[in-house]
Amino acid sequence: MTTFDTSFAIPQTKGGFDMRNQHHIGRYGISVSVLAVSLSVLAGATAPAAFAADSRGKSSVDSGEIRWEDGTKFDDARKWAATAWYNTEYKLTKIKIAPDAWNTITDLEWKDENRKDVSWVAQWRGKAGADSIVMNKAYLDDGKKYGTKAWRRKAAAHEMGHALGLGHRADGNLLAKTMGGLPSNARPTSTDRAGYNKLWG
């Protein structure tokens, strides 16, 4: 059994989860949380369907936009995530994703951590004030397990989907529950886009 302190882990191959108000994707999982209730799950188990729901209330969106500040070394991945989800080709323009400015309020901060003690690769953290997307250098730096441009883009775009309020979907979608289940092009699939459009109109 694998237990995580701060996450509802969505396994790559194995995992457990702990429910709080966060999302992350990791070697063994990603996180979502609810009322700080902790739950351990046997290896291979999946999260209850209730925690995979899309939610405007569990998003970084404020007044039809996400304004972000940059604090990550993975700029290419951050840029990719923004253009993957704010994209005229895919008709994803309901929520504007743009840098913070002098006259706006930051909704989302990009950060890096170097956490070898956890299994997540990247994580969206919903909180009071600005939410954050954290990129884990322990797995994303050059030479690490997911230390390529392609993997970084997948992780960042996945987490931006959570910042938009989207829950998990089946493997093959950008909001898949596991790193191995993400699409190779790191773009929202028709299922991801349908969830976005249903949530945001």
C-alpha atoms as a PDB file:
ATOM      1  CA  MET A   1       0.000   0.000   0.000  1.00  0.00           C
ATOM      2  CA  THR A   2       1.239   3.480  -0.874  1.00  0.00           C
ATOM      3  CA  THR A   3       0.059   6.448   1.180  1.00  0.00           C
ATOM      4  CA  PHE A   4       0.619  10.111   0.404  1.00  0.00           C
ATOM      5  CA  ASP A   5       0.317  12.891   2.977  1.00  0.00           C
ATOM      6  CA  THR A   6      -0.939  15.683   0.766  1.00  0.00           C
ATOM      7  CA  SER A   7      -2.436  14.083  -2.247  1.00  0.00           C
ATOM      8  CA  PHE A   8      -5.210  12.104  -3.748  1.00  0.00           C
ATOM      9  CA  ALA A   9      -2.753  10.076  -5.769  1.00  0.00           C
ATOM     10  CA  ILE A  10      -3.686   8.924  -9.192  1.00  0.00           C
ATOM     11  CA  PRO A  11      -1.387   6.016  -9.928  1.00  0.00           C
ATOM     12  CA  GLN A  12       0.889   5.520 -12.885  1.00  0.00           C
ATOM     13  CA  THR A  13       0.812   1.881 -12.008  1.00  0.00           C
ATOM     14  CA  LYS A  14       0.205   1.826  -8.238  1.00  0.00           C
ATOM     15  CA  GLY A  15      -0.859   4.266  -5.597  1.00  0.00           C
ATOM     16  CA  GLY A  16      -3.009   5.512  -2.828  1.00  0.00           C
ATOM     17  CA  PHE A  17      -4.718   8.744  -2.088  1.00  0.00           C
ATOM     18  CA  ASP A  18      -5.338  11.317   0.552  1.00  0.00           C
ATOM     19  CA  MET A  19      -8.102  13.798  -0.195  1.00  0.00           C
ATOM     20  CA  ARG A  20      -7.383  17.524   0.161  1.00  0.00           C
ATOM     21  CA  ASN A  21      -7.939  20.520  -2.109  1.00  0.00           C
ATOM     22  CA  GLN A  22      -5.060  19.910  -4.515  1.00  0.00           C
ATOM     23  CA  HIS A  23      -4.355  18.187  -7.825  1.00  0.00           C
ATOM     24  CA  HIS A  24      -1.036  16.782  -8.919  1.00  0.00           C
ATOM     25  CA  ILE A  25       0.279  14.330 -11.388  1.00  0.00           C
ATOM     26  CA  GLY A  26       3.086  12.079 -10.331  1.00  0.00           C
ATOM     27  CA  ARG A  27       5.046   8.940 -10.826  1.00  0.00           C
ATOM     28  CA  TYR A  28       2.324   7.207  -8.892  1.00  0.00           C
ATOM     29  CA  GLY A  29      -0.341   9.831  -9.059  1.00  0.00           C
ATOM     30  CA  ILE A  30      -2.045  13.193  -8.803  1.00  0.00           C
ATOM     31  CA  SER A  31      -3.965  14.867  -6.046  1.00  0.00           C
ATOM     32  CA  VAL A  32      -7.345  16.309  -5.326  1.00  0.00           C
ATOM     33  CA  SER A  33      -8.475  17.146  -1.851  1.00  0.00           C
ATOM     34  CA  VAL A  34     -11.692  17.439   0.022  1.00  0.00           C
ATOM     35  CA  LEU A  35     -12.025  18.602   3.630  1.00  0.00           C
ATOM     36  CA  ALA A  36      -8.585  17.280   4.577  1.00  0.00           C
ATOM     37  CA  VAL A  37      -9.945  13.755   4.909  1.00  0.00           C
ATOM     38  CA  SER A  38      -7.190  11.206   4.619  1.00  0.00           C
ATOM     39  CA  LEU A  39      -7.745   7.888   2.896  1.00  0.00           C
ATOM     40  CA  SER A  40      -5.367   5.133   1.918  1.00  0.00           C
ATOM     41  CA  VAL A  41      -6.111   2.909  -1.042  1.00  0.00           C
ATOM     42  CA  LEU A  42      -4.618  -0.411  -1.990  1.00  0.00           C
ATOM     43  CA  ALA A  43      -2.224  -0.430  -4.917  1.00  0.00           C
ATOM     44  CA  GLY A  44      -4.012  -0.239  -8.223  1.00  0.00           C
ATOM     45  CA  ALA A  45      -7.209   1.264  -6.830  1.00  0.00           C
ATOM     46  CA  THR A  46      -8.762   4.312  -8.428  1.00  0.00           C
ATOM     47  CA  ALA A  47     -10.380   7.368  -6.945  1.00  0.00           C
ATOM     48  CA  PRO A  48     -14.121   7.570  -6.380  1.00  0.00           C
ATOM     49  CA  ALA A  49     -15.966   9.142  -9.317  1.00  0.00           C
ATOM     50  CA  ALA A  50     -17.165  12.012  -7.105  1.00  0.00           C
ATOM     51  CA  PHE A  51     -13.631  13.410  -6.963  1.00  0.00           C
ATOM     52  CA  ALA A  52     -13.161  13.442 -10.723  1.00  0.00           C
ATOM     53  CA  ALA A  53     -15.946  15.964 -11.357  1.00  0.00           C
ATOM     54  CA  ASP A  54     -15.318  19.214 -13.173  1.00  0.00           C
ATOM     55  CA  SER A  55     -15.904  22.255 -10.977  1.00  0.00           C
ATOM     56  CA  ARG A  56     -15.867  26.010 -11.480  1.00  0.00           C
ATOM     57  CA  GLY A  57     -15.415  26.346  -7.720  1.00  0.00           C
ATOM     58  CA  LYS A  58     -12.215  24.287  -7.790  1.00  0.00           C
ATOM     59  CA  SER A  59     -10.422  26.339 -10.415  1.00  0.00           C
ATOM     60  CA  SER A  60      -8.052  29.301 -10.698  1.00  0.00           C
ATOM     61  CA  VAL A  61     -10.476  31.161 -12.966  1.00  0.00           C
ATOM     62  CA  ASP A  62     -11.516  34.617 -11.824  1.00  0.00           C
ATOM     63  CA  SER A  63     -13.853  36.805 -13.904  1.00  0.00           C
ATOM     64  CA  GLY A  64     -13.333  34.738 -17.054  1.00  0.00           C
ATOM     65  CA  GLU A  65      -9.555  34.637 -16.941  1.00  0.00           C
ATOM     66  CA  ILE A  66      -6.477  33.172 -15.307  1.00  0.00           C
ATOM     67  CA  ARG A  67      -3.740  35.741 -14.722  1.00  0.00           C
ATOM     68  CA  TRP A  68      -0.429  34.072 -13.918  1.00  0.00           C
ATOM     69  CA  GLU A  69       2.972  34.984 -12.497  1.00  0.00           C
ATOM     70  CA  ASP A  70       6.065  33.066 -13.510  1.00  0.00           C
ATOM     71  CA  GLY A  71       8.509  31.540 -11.092  1.00  0.00           C
ATOM     72  CA  THR A  72       9.413  28.356 -12.954  1.00  0.00           C
ATOM     73  CA  LYS A  73      12.576  27.472 -14.837  1.00  0.00           C
ATOM     74  CA  PHE A  74      10.408  25.429 -17.204  1.00  0.00           C
ATOM     75  CA  ASP A  75       9.231  28.385 -19.309  1.00  0.00           C
ATOM     76  CA  ASP A  76       8.672  26.312 -22.435  1.00  0.00           C
ATOM     77  CA  ALA A  77       6.269  24.030 -20.523  1.00  0.00           C
ATOM     78  CA  ARG A  78       4.436  27.003 -18.980  1.00  0.00           C
ATOM     79  CA  LYS A  79       4.034  28.680 -22.378  1.00  0.00           C
ATOM     80  CA  TRP A  80       2.870  25.410 -23.895  1.00  0.00           C
ATOM     81  CA  ALA A  81       0.223  24.928 -21.201  1.00  0.00           C
ATOM     82  CA  ALA A  82      -1.176  28.422 -21.742  1.00  0.00           C
ATOM     83  CA  THR A  83      -1.389  28.040 -25.527  1.00  0.00           C
ATOM     84  CA  ALA A  84      -2.771  24.503 -25.295  1.00  0.00           C
ATOM     85  CA  TRP A  85      -5.760  25.740 -23.278  1.00  0.00           C
ATOM     86  CA  TYR A  86      -6.211  29.224 -24.770  1.00  0.00           C
ATOM     87  CA  ASN A  87      -6.353  28.233 -28.398  1.00  0.00           C
ATOM     88  CA  THR A  88      -8.532  29.420 -31.284  1.00  0.00           C
ATOM     89  CA  GLU A  89      -7.830  26.289 -33.381  1.00  0.00           C
ATOM     90  CA  TYR A  90      -9.481  24.137 -30.697  1.00  0.00           C
ATOM     91  CA  LYS A  91     -12.119  26.798 -29.907  1.00  0.00           C
ATOM     92  CA  LEU A  92     -10.802  27.174 -26.355  1.00  0.00           C
ATOM     93  CA  THR A  93     -11.222  30.908 -25.859  1.00  0.00           C
ATOM     94  CA  LYS A  94     -13.842  31.218 -23.110  1.00  0.00           C
ATOM     95  CA  ILE A  95     -11.183  31.603 -20.404  1.00  0.00           C
ATOM     96  CA  LYS A  96      -8.345  34.010 -21.128  1.00  0.00           C
ATOM     97  CA  ILE A  97      -4.944  32.800 -19.896  1.00  0.00           C
ATOM     98  CA  ALA A  98      -2.465  35.665 -19.737  1.00  0.00           C
ATOM     99  CA  PRO A  99       0.443  37.036 -17.687  1.00  0.00           C
ATOM    100  CA  ASP A 100      -0.355  39.162 -14.672  1.00  0.00           C
ATOM    101  CA  ALA A 101      -0.116  42.919 -15.235  1.00  0.00           C
ATOM    102  CA  TRP A 102       0.148  46.001 -13.030  1.00  0.00           C
ATOM    103  CA  ASN A 103      -3.635  46.407 -13.078  1.00  0.00           C
ATOM    104  CA  THR A 104      -4.692  42.761 -12.594  1.00  0.00           C
ATOM    105  CA  ILE A 105      -4.728  40.345  -9.683  1.00  0.00           C
ATOM    106  CA  THR A 106      -2.638  37.185  -9.840  1.00  0.00           C
ATOM    107  CA  ASP A 107      -4.796  34.065  -9.970  1.00  0.00           C
ATOM    108  CA  LEU A 108      -2.045  31.482 -10.506  1.00  0.00           C
ATOM    109  CA  GLU A 109       1.657  31.305  -9.658  1.00  0.00           C
ATOM    110  CA  TRP A 110       4.086  28.963 -11.390  1.00  0.00           C
ATOM    111  CA  LYS A 111       6.717  27.561  -9.011  1.00  0.00           C
ATOM    112  CA  ASP A 112       9.427  24.919  -8.848  1.00  0.00           C
ATOM    113  CA  GLU A 113      10.241  22.590  -5.981  1.00  0.00           C
ATOM    114  CA  ASN A 114      12.867  19.881  -5.720  1.00  0.00           C
ATOM    115  CA  ARG A 115      10.972  17.157  -3.843  1.00  0.00           C
ATOM    116  CA  LYS A 116      12.513  13.703  -3.956  1.00  0.00           C
ATOM    117  CA  ASP A 117      10.401  12.712  -0.953  1.00  0.00           C
ATOM    118  CA  VAL A 118       7.148  12.769  -2.971  1.00  0.00           C
ATOM    119  CA  SER A 119       5.911  10.907  -6.017  1.00  0.00           C
ATOM    120  CA  TRP A 120       4.226  13.755  -7.887  1.00  0.00           C
ATOM    121  CA  VAL A 121       5.789  15.271 -10.978  1.00  0.00           C
ATOM    122  CA  ALA A 122       3.693  18.451 -11.079  1.00  0.00           C
ATOM    123  CA  GLN A 123       0.857  19.730  -8.926  1.00  0.00           C
ATOM    124  CA  TRP A 124      -1.956  22.277  -9.033  1.00  0.00           C
ATOM    125  CA  ARG A 125      -2.644  23.685  -5.563  1.00  0.00           C
ATOM    126  CA  GLY A 126      -5.913  25.477  -4.992  1.00  0.00           C
ATOM    127  CA  LYS A 127      -5.700  27.803  -1.993  1.00  0.00           C
ATOM    128  CA  ALA A 128      -6.803  31.156  -0.601  1.00  0.00           C
ATOM    129  CA  GLY A 129      -5.217  33.912  -2.644  1.00  0.00           C
ATOM    130  CA  ALA A 130      -3.313  32.882  -5.758  1.00  0.00           C
ATOM    131  CA  ASP A 131      -3.364  29.192  -6.639  1.00  0.00           C
ATOM    132  CA  SER A 132      -0.173  27.570  -7.865  1.00  0.00           C
ATOM    133  CA  ILE A 133       1.196  25.043 -10.301  1.00  0.00           C
ATOM    134  CA  VAL A 134       4.357  23.470  -8.931  1.00  0.00           C
ATOM    135  CA  MET A 135       6.816  21.720 -11.212  1.00  0.00           C
ATOM    136  CA  ASN A 136       8.923  19.116  -9.393  1.00  0.00           C
ATOM    137  CA  LYS A 137      12.569  19.439 -10.489  1.00  0.00           C
ATOM    138  CA  ALA A 138      13.369  16.074  -8.891  1.00  0.00           C
ATOM    139  CA  TYR A 139      11.529  14.453 -11.835  1.00  0.00           C
ATOM    140  CA  LEU A 140      11.516  17.188 -14.517  1.00  0.00           C
ATOM    141  CA  ASP A 141      15.125  18.435 -14.558  1.00  0.00           C
ATOM    142  CA  ASP A 142      17.353  17.332 -17.442  1.00  0.00           C
ATOM    143  CA  GLY A 143      18.483  13.745 -16.978  1.00  0.00           C
ATOM    144  CA  LYS A 144      15.587  12.867 -14.641  1.00  0.00           C
ATOM    145  CA  LYS A 145      12.803  10.379 -15.395  1.00  0.00           C
ATOM    146  CA  TYR A 146      10.516  13.010 -16.976  1.00  0.00           C
ATOM    147  CA  GLY A 147      13.294  15.481 -17.846  1.00  0.00           C
ATOM    148  CA  THR A 148      12.420  16.117 -21.487  1.00  0.00           C
ATOM    149  CA  LYS A 149      10.542  18.934 -23.192  1.00  0.00           C
ATOM    150  CA  ALA A 150       7.738  16.542 -24.184  1.00  0.00           C
ATOM    151  CA  TRP A 151       7.141  15.268 -20.619  1.00  0.00           C
ATOM    152  CA  ARG A 152       7.360  18.767 -19.120  1.00  0.00           C
ATOM    153  CA  ARG A 153       4.776  20.039 -21.597  1.00  0.00           C
ATOM    154  CA  LYS A 154       2.448  17.159 -20.796  1.00  0.00           C
ATOM    155  CA  ALA A 155       2.735  17.743 -17.044  1.00  0.00           C
ATOM    156  CA  ALA A 156       2.248  21.527 -17.300  1.00  0.00           C
ATOM    157  CA  ALA A 157      -0.713  21.301 -19.689  1.00  0.00           C
ATOM    158  CA  HIS A 158      -2.326  18.624 -17.489  1.00  0.00           C
ATOM    159  CA  GLU A 159      -2.041  20.869 -14.432  1.00  0.00           C
ATOM    160  CA  MET A 160      -3.387  23.871 -16.339  1.00  0.00           C
ATOM    161  CA  GLY A 161      -6.445  21.719 -17.057  1.00  0.00           C
ATOM    162  CA  HIS A 162      -6.925  21.390 -13.286  1.00  0.00           C
ATOM    163  CA  ALA A 163      -6.454  25.159 -12.901  1.00  0.00           C
ATOM    164  CA  LEU A 164      -9.371  25.465 -15.341  1.00  0.00           C
ATOM    165  CA  GLY A 165     -11.474  23.281 -13.026  1.00  0.00           C
ATOM    166  CA  LEU A 166     -11.315  20.027 -14.982  1.00  0.00           C
ATOM    167  CA  GLY A 167     -11.163  16.668 -13.250  1.00  0.00           C
ATOM    168  CA  HIS A 168      -9.614  13.443 -14.481  1.00  0.00           C
ATOM    169  CA  ARG A 169     -10.590  11.510 -17.554  1.00  0.00           C
ATOM    170  CA  ALA A 170      -9.685   8.176 -19.092  1.00  0.00           C
ATOM    171  CA  ASP A 171      -6.203   7.400 -20.390  1.00  0.00           C
ATOM    172  CA  GLY A 172      -5.483   8.977 -23.755  1.00  0.00           C
ATOM    173  CA  ASN A 173      -6.778  12.386 -22.612  1.00  0.00           C
ATOM    174  CA  LEU A 174      -4.732  15.336 -21.356  1.00  0.00           C
ATOM    175  CA  LEU A 175      -6.531  15.014 -18.018  1.00  0.00           C
ATOM    176  CA  ALA A 176      -5.712  11.295 -17.763  1.00  0.00           C
ATOM    177  CA  LYS A 177      -5.007  10.030 -14.259  1.00  0.00           C
ATOM    178  CA  THR A 178      -1.468   8.882 -15.037  1.00  0.00           C
ATOM    179  CA  MET A 179       1.627  10.285 -16.741  1.00  0.00           C
ATOM    180  CA  GLY A 180       1.695   7.314 -19.106  1.00  0.00           C
ATOM    181  CA  GLY A 181      -1.927   7.975 -20.077  1.00  0.00           C
ATOM    182  CA  LEU A 182      -1.337  11.506 -21.393  1.00  0.00           C
ATOM    183  CA  PRO A 183      -1.515  12.075 -25.173  1.00  0.00           C
ATOM    184  CA  SER A 184       1.811  12.333 -26.982  1.00  0.00           C
ATOM    185  CA  ASN A 185       0.962  15.758 -28.463  1.00  0.00           C
ATOM    186  CA  ALA A 186       0.288  17.266 -24.989  1.00  0.00           C
ATOM    187  CA  ARG A 187      -2.904  18.906 -26.280  1.00  0.00           C
ATOM    188  CA  PRO A 188      -6.483  18.722 -24.989  1.00  0.00           C
ATOM    189  CA  THR A 189      -8.370  15.912 -26.711  1.00  0.00           C
ATOM    190  CA  SER A 190     -11.977  16.176 -27.904  1.00  0.00           C
ATOM    191  CA  THR A 191     -13.040  14.745 -24.507  1.00  0.00           C
ATOM    192  CA  ASP A 192     -10.973  17.347 -22.620  1.00  0.00           C
ATOM    193  CA  ARG A 193     -12.382  20.112 -24.835  1.00  0.00           C
ATOM    194  CA  ALA A 194     -15.947  18.903 -24.327  1.00  0.00           C
ATOM    195  CA  GLY A 195     -15.425  19.096 -20.547  1.00  0.00           C
ATOM    196  CA  TYR A 196     -14.011  22.611 -20.880  1.00  0.00           C
ATOM    197  CA  ASN A 197     -16.938  23.754 -23.050  1.00  0.00           C
ATOM    198  CA  LYS A 198     -19.529  22.153 -20.785  1.00  0.00           C
ATOM    199  CA  LEU A 199     -17.966  23.839 -17.739  1.00  0.00           C
ATOM    200  CA  TRP A 200     -17.347  27.260 -19.260  1.00  0.00           C
ATOM    201  CA  GLY A 201     -20.045  27.498 -21.965  1.00  0.00           C
END
